[in-house]
Amino acid sequence: MELGLQRVILELDCQGLMKLIKDPAAMRSSIRGLCFDISELGKSFSDFRVEWVRREANSVAHICAHMVSATERCLFWLDLIPD
């Protein structure tokens, strides 16, 4: 939002989490707070989609997940993805 982006695709390699985010009944889940936060943030964009990708095809996300630390919890790339 801070970058002025209006269209966002959240790619997940966890089908269970994807279904919980897309399903309003997820509020009964033990991670309902996370699902609610993601859903509410998604409303800030003109186009927000949650898509599932095979874990094998999501190697970039795996690499990126290892790049965060306790002090730097959020990283993003707009034009170039990490090697």
Protein backbone atom coordinates (compact mmCIF):
# COMPACT_ATOMS: atom_id res chain seq x y z
CA MET A 1 0.00 0.00 0.00
CA GLU A 2 2.83 2.37 0.87
CA LEU A 3 4.22 1.86 -2.63
CA GLY A 4 0.94 2.73 -4.28
CA LEU A 5 0.33 -0.78 -5.56
CA GLN A 6 -3.30 -1.66 -6.27
CA ARG A 7 -3.05 -5.26 -7.51
CA VAL A 8 -1.55 -7.95 -5.28
CA ILE A 9 -1.25 -11.72 -5.56
CA LEU A 10 -0.33 -13.60 -2.41
CA GLU A 11 1.19 -16.94 -3.43
CA LEU A 12 1.15 -19.71 -0.84
CA ASP A 13 2.48 -23.24 -0.97
CA CYS A 14 0.16 -24.30 1.86
CA GLN A 15 -3.27 -25.26 0.55
CA GLY A 16 -4.71 -25.36 4.03
CA LEU A 17 -3.79 -21.74 4.76
CA MET A 18 -5.04 -20.63 1.35
CA LYS A 19 -8.42 -22.24 2.00
CA LEU A 20 -8.63 -20.67 5.46
CA ILE A 21 -7.93 -17.19 4.09
CA LYS A 22 -10.51 -17.57 1.32
CA ASP A 23 -13.17 -19.07 3.61
CA PRO A 24 -15.08 -16.75 5.97
CA ALA A 25 -15.70 -19.76 8.24
CA ALA A 26 -11.95 -19.74 8.98
CA MET A 27 -12.69 -17.56 11.95
CA ARG A 28 -13.11 -20.81 13.89
CA SER A 29 -9.49 -21.75 13.17
CA SER A 30 -6.73 -21.42 15.74
CA ILE A 31 -5.00 -19.01 13.33
CA ARG A 32 -8.12 -16.93 12.78
CA GLY A 33 -6.26 -13.73 13.71
CA LEU A 34 -3.76 -14.24 10.89
CA CYS A 35 -6.52 -15.09 8.40
CA PHE A 36 -8.53 -12.06 9.46
CA ASP A 37 -5.53 -9.71 9.17
CA ILE A 38 -4.69 -10.98 5.68
CA SER A 39 -8.31 -10.66 4.56
CA GLU A 40 -8.61 -7.14 5.96
CA LEU A 41 -5.35 -5.99 4.38
CA GLY A 42 -6.48 -7.46 1.07
CA LYS A 43 -9.49 -5.13 1.08
CA SER A 44 -7.10 -2.19 0.78
CA PHE A 45 -6.26 -3.18 -2.80
CA SER A 46 -8.42 -2.94 -5.89
CA ASP A 47 -7.41 -6.50 -6.82
CA PHE A 48 -6.20 -8.96 -4.17
CA ARG A 49 -5.92 -12.67 -4.85
CA VAL A 50 -4.63 -15.62 -2.88
CA GLU A 51 -3.22 -18.38 -5.08
CA TRP A 52 -1.69 -21.75 -4.35
CA VAL A 53 1.57 -22.82 -6.01
CA ARG A 54 3.27 -26.20 -5.76
CA ARG A 55 6.00 -26.20 -3.15
CA GLU A 56 8.48 -27.37 -5.79
CA ALA A 57 7.61 -24.36 -7.95
CA ASN A 58 7.93 -21.95 -5.06
CA SER A 59 11.71 -22.06 -4.65
CA VAL A 60 11.92 -18.26 -4.63
CA ALA A 61 9.62 -18.08 -1.60
CA HIS A 62 11.74 -20.72 0.14
CA ILE A 63 14.92 -18.72 -0.46
CA CYS A 64 13.27 -15.47 0.59
CA ALA A 65 11.95 -17.03 3.78
CA HIS A 66 15.52 -17.83 4.81
CA MET A 67 16.60 -14.22 4.24
CA VAL A 68 14.49 -12.72 7.03
CA SER A 69 15.78 -12.40 10.56
CA ALA A 70 14.45 -11.49 13.99
CA THR A 71 15.17 -7.82 13.28
CA GLU A 72 14.26 -7.72 9.57
CA ARG A 73 10.91 -9.54 9.40
CA CYS A 74 9.71 -8.19 6.05
CA LEU A 75 11.45 -8.07 2.68
CA PHE A 76 10.06 -7.41 -0.78
CA TRP A 77 11.29 -6.94 -4.31
CA LEU A 78 9.59 -4.97 -7.05
CA ASP A 79 11.67 -5.48 -10.18
CA LEU A 80 14.37 -8.02 -9.45
CA ILE A 81 14.16 -11.18 -7.42
CA PRO A 82 17.17 -12.45 -5.44
CA ASP A 83 19.58 -14.93 -7.01
